[in-house]
Amino acid sequence: QVQLVESGGGLVQAGGSLRLSCAASGSIISIHVMGWYRQVPGKQRELVAVITSGGSINYEDSVRGRFTISRDNAKNMGYRQMNSLKPEDTAVYYCNTLQAWGTGWLPGGSWGQGTQVTVSS
């Protein structure tokens, strides 16, 4: 099973930027669909971006145009560039591999500890 470690979070002012990283081990990620999730305290973890093994990307509406995800299969890494951050982006961010389930996705790997992003107004 794939293990994932997220990093790069921190405290940033509204309008600022952060770049998150996702390091994968236990399997080569090039064969996997990858996803970025975020979780606000008291709410369910939500999938906000998906990148397929072929590089096709989908974003949830609230982050489209502000967040960009990418992957470096040679390094077994995933990245998430977050620009124009808003206070409502404050959350713990996770990455995971994804498995198709009906018309959606299910997480496929072990959850990492996530990385906290805090956006001040």
N, C-alpha and C. Protein backbone atom coordinates (compact mmCIF):
# COMPACT_ATOMS: atom_id res chain seq x y z
N GLN A 1 0.85 -1.19 0.00
CA GLN A 1 0.00 0.00 0.00
C GLN A 1 0.89 1.25 0.00
N VAL A 2 0.40 2.27 -0.66
CA VAL A 2 1.17 3.51 -0.76
C VAL A 2 1.09 4.27 0.56
N GLN A 3 2.25 4.77 0.99
CA GLN A 3 2.29 5.66 2.14
C GLN A 3 2.59 7.07 1.64
N LEU A 4 1.96 8.05 2.27
CA LEU A 4 2.08 9.43 1.79
C LEU A 4 2.41 10.37 2.92
N VAL A 5 3.27 11.34 2.64
CA VAL A 5 3.66 12.34 3.62
C VAL A 5 3.51 13.71 2.98
N GLU A 6 2.68 14.55 3.60
CA GLU A 6 2.46 15.89 3.10
C GLU A 6 3.34 16.89 3.84
N SER A 7 3.71 17.95 3.16
CA SER A 7 4.50 19.01 3.78
C SER A 7 4.27 20.32 3.05
N GLY A 8 4.74 21.40 3.66
CA GLY A 8 4.68 22.70 3.01
C GLY A 8 3.63 23.64 3.53
N GLY A 9 2.83 23.18 4.48
CA GLY A 9 1.80 24.06 5.03
C GLY A 9 2.40 25.15 5.90
N GLY A 10 1.54 26.04 6.35
CA GLY A 10 2.01 27.12 7.21
C GLY A 10 0.96 28.19 7.35
N LEU A 11 1.40 29.31 7.91
CA LEU A 11 0.52 30.46 8.11
C LEU A 11 0.83 31.50 7.04
N VAL A 12 -0.21 31.96 6.38
CA VAL A 12 -0.03 32.92 5.30
C VAL A 12 -1.19 33.92 5.35
N GLN A 13 -0.93 35.12 4.90
CA GLN A 13 -1.99 36.13 4.84
C GLN A 13 -2.87 35.90 3.63
N ALA A 14 -4.09 36.37 3.73
CA ALA A 14 -5.01 36.27 2.60
C ALA A 14 -4.38 36.90 1.36
N GLY A 15 -4.54 36.22 0.25
CA GLY A 15 -3.94 36.66 -1.00
C GLY A 15 -2.57 36.06 -1.27
N GLY A 16 -2.02 35.42 -0.27
CA GLY A 16 -0.69 34.83 -0.41
C GLY A 16 -0.73 33.47 -1.08
N SER A 17 0.44 32.85 -1.11
CA SER A 17 0.60 31.57 -1.81
C SER A 17 1.36 30.58 -0.94
N LEU A 18 1.11 29.32 -1.19
CA LEU A 18 1.85 28.22 -0.58
C LEU A 18 1.98 27.11 -1.60
N ARG A 19 3.04 26.34 -1.46
CA ARG A 19 3.22 25.15 -2.28
C ARG A 19 3.34 23.94 -1.37
N LEU A 20 2.40 23.03 -1.53
CA LEU A 20 2.41 21.81 -0.75
C LEU A 20 3.06 20.69 -1.54
N SER A 21 3.70 19.79 -0.81
CA SER A 21 4.32 18.63 -1.45
C SER A 21 3.74 17.36 -0.86
N CYS A 22 3.78 16.31 -1.65
CA CYS A 22 3.27 15.00 -1.25
C CYS A 22 4.30 13.97 -1.67
N ALA A 23 4.93 13.35 -0.70
CA ALA A 23 5.95 12.33 -0.98
C ALA A 23 5.32 10.95 -0.81
N ALA A 24 5.46 10.13 -1.84
CA ALA A 24 4.86 8.80 -1.81
C ALA A 24 5.94 7.73 -1.72
N SER A 25 5.63 6.67 -1.02
CA SER A 25 6.53 5.52 -0.94
C SER A 25 5.68 4.25 -0.89
N GLY A 26 6.32 3.14 -1.15
CA GLY A 26 5.62 1.87 -1.11
C GLY A 26 5.08 1.42 -2.45
N SER A 27 5.04 2.34 -3.39
CA SER A 27 4.58 2.00 -4.73
C SER A 27 4.96 3.15 -5.65
N ILE A 28 5.13 2.88 -6.90
CA ILE A 28 5.40 3.98 -7.83
C ILE A 28 4.09 4.68 -8.15
N ILE A 29 4.09 5.99 -8.00
CA ILE A 29 2.82 6.70 -8.15
C ILE A 29 2.40 6.87 -9.60
N SER A 30 3.32 6.59 -10.52
CA SER A 30 2.98 6.84 -11.92
C SER A 30 1.78 6.03 -12.38
N ILE A 31 1.50 4.93 -11.68
CA ILE A 31 0.37 4.10 -12.10
C ILE A 31 -0.91 4.50 -11.40
N HIS A 32 -0.84 5.46 -10.49
CA HIS A 32 -1.99 5.80 -9.67
C HIS A 32 -2.62 7.12 -10.06
N VAL A 33 -3.90 7.21 -9.87
CA VAL A 33 -4.58 8.50 -9.85
C VAL A 33 -4.31 9.10 -8.46
N MET A 34 -4.01 10.38 -8.43
CA MET A 34 -3.69 11.06 -7.17
C MET A 34 -4.74 12.11 -6.88
N GLY A 35 -5.00 12.32 -5.61
CA GLY A 35 -5.96 13.33 -5.22
C GLY A 35 -5.47 14.15 -4.06
N TRP A 36 -5.94 15.39 -3.99
CA TRP A 36 -5.69 16.27 -2.85
C TRP A 36 -7.01 16.50 -2.14
N TYR A 37 -6.96 16.33 -0.84
CA TYR A 37 -8.12 16.53 0.01
C TYR A 37 -7.84 17.69 0.97
N ARG A 38 -8.92 18.22 1.55
CA ARG A 38 -8.75 19.13 2.67
C ARG A 38 -9.85 18.85 3.69
N GLN A 39 -9.51 19.17 4.93
CA GLN A 39 -10.47 18.92 6.00
C GLN A 39 -10.47 20.09 6.97
N VAL A 40 -11.64 20.65 7.12
CA VAL A 40 -11.87 21.72 8.08
C VAL A 40 -12.37 21.08 9.37
N PRO A 41 -11.94 21.55 10.53
CA PRO A 41 -12.41 20.96 11.79
C PRO A 41 -13.92 20.86 11.84
N GLY A 42 -14.40 19.69 12.21
CA GLY A 42 -15.83 19.48 12.33
C GLY A 42 -16.52 19.08 11.04
N LYS A 43 -15.75 19.03 9.96
CA LYS A 43 -16.35 18.66 8.67
C LYS A 43 -15.63 17.46 8.07
N GLN A 44 -16.29 16.83 7.11
CA GLN A 44 -15.69 15.68 6.45
C GLN A 44 -14.55 16.10 5.54
N ARG A 45 -13.62 15.21 5.38
CA ARG A 45 -12.53 15.43 4.43
C ARG A 45 -13.12 15.45 3.02
N GLU A 46 -12.77 16.47 2.25
CA GLU A 46 -13.32 16.59 0.90
C GLU A 46 -12.22 16.55 -0.15
N LEU A 47 -12.54 15.92 -1.24
CA LEU A 47 -11.62 15.82 -2.37
C LEU A 47 -11.77 17.08 -3.21
N VAL A 48 -10.67 17.79 -3.43
CA VAL A 48 -10.77 19.06 -4.15
C VAL A 48 -9.99 19.08 -5.45
N ALA A 49 -9.15 18.08 -5.69
CA ALA A 49 -8.40 18.07 -6.95
C ALA A 49 -7.95 16.65 -7.25
N VAL A 50 -7.98 16.30 -8.52
CA VAL A 50 -7.61 14.95 -8.97
C VAL A 50 -6.68 15.08 -10.16
N ILE A 51 -5.62 14.28 -10.17
CA ILE A 51 -4.73 14.21 -11.33
C ILE A 51 -4.54 12.75 -11.68
N THR A 52 -4.84 12.40 -12.93
CA THR A 52 -4.73 11.01 -13.35
C THR A 52 -3.28 10.66 -13.67
N SER A 53 -3.04 9.38 -13.90
CA SER A 53 -1.69 8.95 -14.24
C SER A 53 -1.24 9.56 -15.57
N GLY A 54 -2.19 9.90 -16.42
CA GLY A 54 -1.86 10.53 -17.70
C GLY A 54 -1.76 12.04 -17.63
N GLY A 55 -2.05 12.61 -16.46
CA GLY A 55 -1.90 14.05 -16.29
C GLY A 55 -3.18 14.86 -16.44
N SER A 56 -4.30 14.21 -16.66
CA SER A 56 -5.56 14.95 -16.71
C SER A 56 -5.93 15.39 -15.31
N ILE A 57 -6.45 16.63 -15.22
CA ILE A 57 -6.69 17.23 -13.92
C ILE A 57 -8.13 17.73 -13.82
N ASN A 58 -8.72 17.55 -12.66
CA ASN A 58 -10.01 18.13 -12.34
C ASN A 58 -9.94 18.81 -10.99
N TYR A 59 -10.61 19.96 -10.90
CA TYR A 59 -10.63 20.73 -9.67
C TYR A 59 -12.06 20.94 -9.20
N GLU A 60 -12.22 20.97 -7.91
CA GLU A 60 -13.49 21.36 -7.32
C GLU A 60 -13.67 22.86 -7.55
N ASP A 61 -14.91 23.30 -7.67
CA ASP A 61 -15.17 24.69 -8.09
C ASP A 61 -14.52 25.72 -7.18
N SER A 62 -14.47 25.45 -5.88
CA SER A 62 -13.97 26.47 -4.95
C SER A 62 -12.48 26.75 -5.10
N VAL A 63 -11.75 25.86 -5.76
CA VAL A 63 -10.30 26.05 -5.89
C VAL A 63 -9.87 26.25 -7.34
N ARG A 64 -10.77 26.00 -8.26
CA ARG A 64 -10.40 26.11 -9.68
C ARG A 64 -9.96 27.54 -9.99
N GLY A 65 -8.86 27.66 -10.69
CA GLY A 65 -8.30 28.97 -11.05
C GLY A 65 -7.33 29.51 -10.03
N ARG A 66 -7.34 28.95 -8.82
CA ARG A 66 -6.41 29.42 -7.77
C ARG A 66 -5.38 28.35 -7.40
N PHE A 67 -5.78 27.11 -7.47
CA PHE A 67 -4.89 26.01 -7.09
C PHE A 67 -4.47 25.24 -8.34
N THR A 68 -3.25 24.77 -8.34
CA THR A 68 -2.73 23.98 -9.44
C THR A 68 -2.03 22.76 -8.87
N ILE A 69 -2.41 21.58 -9.34
CA ILE A 69 -1.73 20.37 -8.88
C ILE A 69 -0.88 19.80 -10.00
N SER A 70 0.16 19.11 -9.64
CA SER A 70 1.06 18.50 -10.61
C SER A 70 1.68 17.28 -9.97
N ARG A 71 2.42 16.54 -10.75
CA ARG A 71 3.07 15.35 -10.24
C ARG A 71 4.40 15.17 -10.94
N ASP A 72 5.37 14.62 -10.22
CA ASP A 72 6.66 14.27 -10.79
C ASP A 72 6.83 12.77 -10.55
N ASN A 73 6.46 12.00 -11.55
CA ASN A 73 6.48 10.54 -11.35
C ASN A 73 7.89 10.01 -11.10
N ALA A 74 8.88 10.66 -11.67
CA ALA A 74 10.26 10.20 -11.50
C ALA A 74 10.69 10.33 -10.05
N LYS A 75 10.15 11.32 -9.35
CA LYS A 75 10.51 11.54 -7.95
C LYS A 75 9.46 10.98 -6.99
N ASN A 76 8.41 10.39 -7.53
CA ASN A 76 7.32 9.89 -6.69
C ASN A 76 6.73 10.99 -5.83
N MET A 77 6.53 12.16 -6.44
CA MET A 77 6.07 13.33 -5.70
C MET A 77 4.83 13.91 -6.36
N GLY A 78 4.00 14.53 -5.53
CA GLY A 78 2.89 15.33 -6.00
C GLY A 78 3.02 16.73 -5.42
N TYR A 79 2.46 17.71 -6.12
CA TYR A 79 2.57 19.09 -5.66
C TYR A 79 1.23 19.80 -5.80
N ARG A 80 1.05 20.79 -4.97
CA ARG A 80 -0.16 21.60 -5.03
C ARG A 80 0.24 23.04 -4.81
N GLN A 81 0.15 23.86 -5.82
CA GLN A 81 0.42 25.27 -5.74
C GLN A 81 -0.88 26.00 -5.45
N MET A 82 -0.89 26.74 -4.35
CA MET A 82 -2.11 27.43 -3.95
C MET A 82 -1.85 28.93 -3.97
N ASN A 83 -2.58 29.63 -4.81
CA ASN A 83 -2.44 31.08 -4.94
C ASN A 83 -3.74 31.76 -4.51
N SER A 84 -3.64 33.04 -4.29
CA SER A 84 -4.83 33.85 -3.91
C SER A 84 -5.59 33.19 -2.77
N LEU A 85 -4.85 32.81 -1.75
CA LEU A 85 -5.46 32.08 -0.63
C LEU A 85 -6.46 32.95 0.12
N LYS A 86 -7.50 32.28 0.58
CA LYS A 86 -8.57 32.93 1.33
C LYS A 86 -8.67 32.32 2.72
N PRO A 87 -9.20 33.06 3.68
CA PRO A 87 -9.35 32.48 5.02
C PRO A 87 -10.13 31.16 5.01
N GLU A 88 -11.08 31.04 4.10
CA GLU A 88 -11.86 29.79 4.04
C GLU A 88 -11.07 28.61 3.49
N ASP A 89 -9.85 28.86 3.03
CA ASP A 89 -8.97 27.77 2.62
C ASP A 89 -8.25 27.14 3.81
N THR A 90 -8.42 27.74 4.99
CA THR A 90 -7.79 27.20 6.18
C THR A 90 -8.29 25.78 6.44
N ALA A 91 -7.36 24.84 6.49
CA ALA A 91 -7.72 23.43 6.63
C ALA A 91 -6.44 22.61 6.76
N VAL A 92 -6.61 21.34 7.05
CA VAL A 92 -5.51 20.38 6.94
C VAL A 92 -5.62 19.74 5.56
N TYR A 93 -4.53 19.74 4.84
CA TYR A 93 -4.51 19.23 3.47
C TYR A 93 -3.81 17.88 3.42
N TYR A 94 -4.41 16.97 2.67
CA TYR A 94 -3.90 15.61 2.53
C TYR A 94 -3.79 15.26 1.06
N CYS A 95 -2.93 14.31 0.75
CA CYS A 95 -2.91 13.71 -0.57
C CYS A 95 -3.15 12.22 -0.42
N ASN A 96 -3.57 11.59 -1.48
CA ASN A 96 -3.76 10.14 -1.45
C ASN A 96 -3.87 9.63 -2.87
N THR A 97 -3.65 8.35 -3.04
CA THR A 97 -4.00 7.73 -4.30
C THR A 97 -5.50 7.53 -4.32
N LEU A 98 -6.06 7.38 -5.50
CA LEU A 98 -7.50 7.26 -5.64
C LEU A 98 -7.86 6.00 -6.42
N GLN A 99 -8.99 5.43 -6.03
CA GLN A 99 -9.54 4.29 -6.75
C GLN A 99 -10.92 4.69 -7.25
N ALA A 100 -11.19 4.38 -8.50
CA ALA A 100 -12.50 4.70 -9.06
C ALA A 100 -13.59 3.92 -8.32
N TRP A 101 -14.68 4.62 -8.04
CA TRP A 101 -15.84 4.00 -7.36
C TRP A 101 -17.09 4.65 -7.93
N GLY A 102 -17.78 3.92 -8.77
CA GLY A 102 -18.95 4.49 -9.42
C GLY A 102 -18.52 5.69 -10.25
N THR A 103 -19.14 6.82 -10.00
CA THR A 103 -18.78 8.04 -10.72
C THR A 103 -17.79 8.88 -9.92
N GLY A 104 -17.32 8.37 -8.81
CA GLY A 104 -16.43 9.15 -7.96
C GLY A 104 -15.16 8.39 -7.65
N TRP A 105 -14.57 8.76 -6.51
CA TRP A 105 -13.28 8.21 -6.12
C TRP A 105 -13.30 7.82 -4.65
N LEU A 106 -12.50 6.83 -4.33
CA LEU A 106 -12.25 6.47 -2.94
C LEU A 106 -10.75 6.55 -2.69
N PRO A 107 -10.35 6.93 -1.48
CA PRO A 107 -8.91 6.94 -1.19
C PRO A 107 -8.35 5.54 -1.21
N GLY A 108 -7.13 5.40 -1.76
CA GLY A 108 -6.56 4.07 -1.92
C GLY A 108 -5.37 3.76 -1.03
N GLY A 109 -4.70 4.79 -0.51
CA GLY A 109 -3.50 4.56 0.29
C GLY A 109 -3.74 4.86 1.76
N SER A 110 -2.67 4.75 2.51
CA SER A 110 -2.73 5.10 3.94
C SER A 110 -2.69 6.61 4.08
N TRP A 111 -3.51 7.15 4.97
CA TRP A 111 -3.50 8.59 5.18
C TRP A 111 -2.23 9.02 5.90
N GLY A 112 -1.65 10.13 5.40
CA GLY A 112 -0.55 10.74 6.12
C GLY A 112 -1.09 11.63 7.22
N GLN A 113 -0.19 12.40 7.81
CA GLN A 113 -0.59 13.28 8.91
C GLN A 113 -1.21 14.57 8.41
N GLY A 114 -1.09 14.82 7.11
CA GLY A 114 -1.61 16.06 6.56
C GLY A 114 -0.69 17.23 6.88
N THR A 115 -0.99 18.35 6.27
CA THR A 115 -0.23 19.57 6.54
C THR A 115 -1.21 20.72 6.74
N GLN A 116 -1.03 21.46 7.82
CA GLN A 116 -1.96 22.52 8.18
C GLN A 116 -1.68 23.78 7.39
N VAL A 117 -2.73 24.31 6.80
CA VAL A 117 -2.66 25.60 6.13
C VAL A 117 -3.60 26.55 6.86
N THR A 118 -3.06 27.67 7.29
CA THR A 118 -3.86 28.67 7.98
C THR A 118 -3.72 30.00 7.25
N VAL A 119 -4.85 30.54 6.83
CA VAL A 119 -4.86 31.79 6.08
C VAL A 119 -5.51 32.85 6.96
N SER A 120 -4.74 33.88 7.27
CA SER A 120 -5.26 34.96 8.11
C SER A 120 -5.85 36.06 7.24
N SER A 121 -6.86 36.72 7.78
CA SER A 121 -7.52 37.79 7.01
C SER A 121 -6.86 39.13 7.25
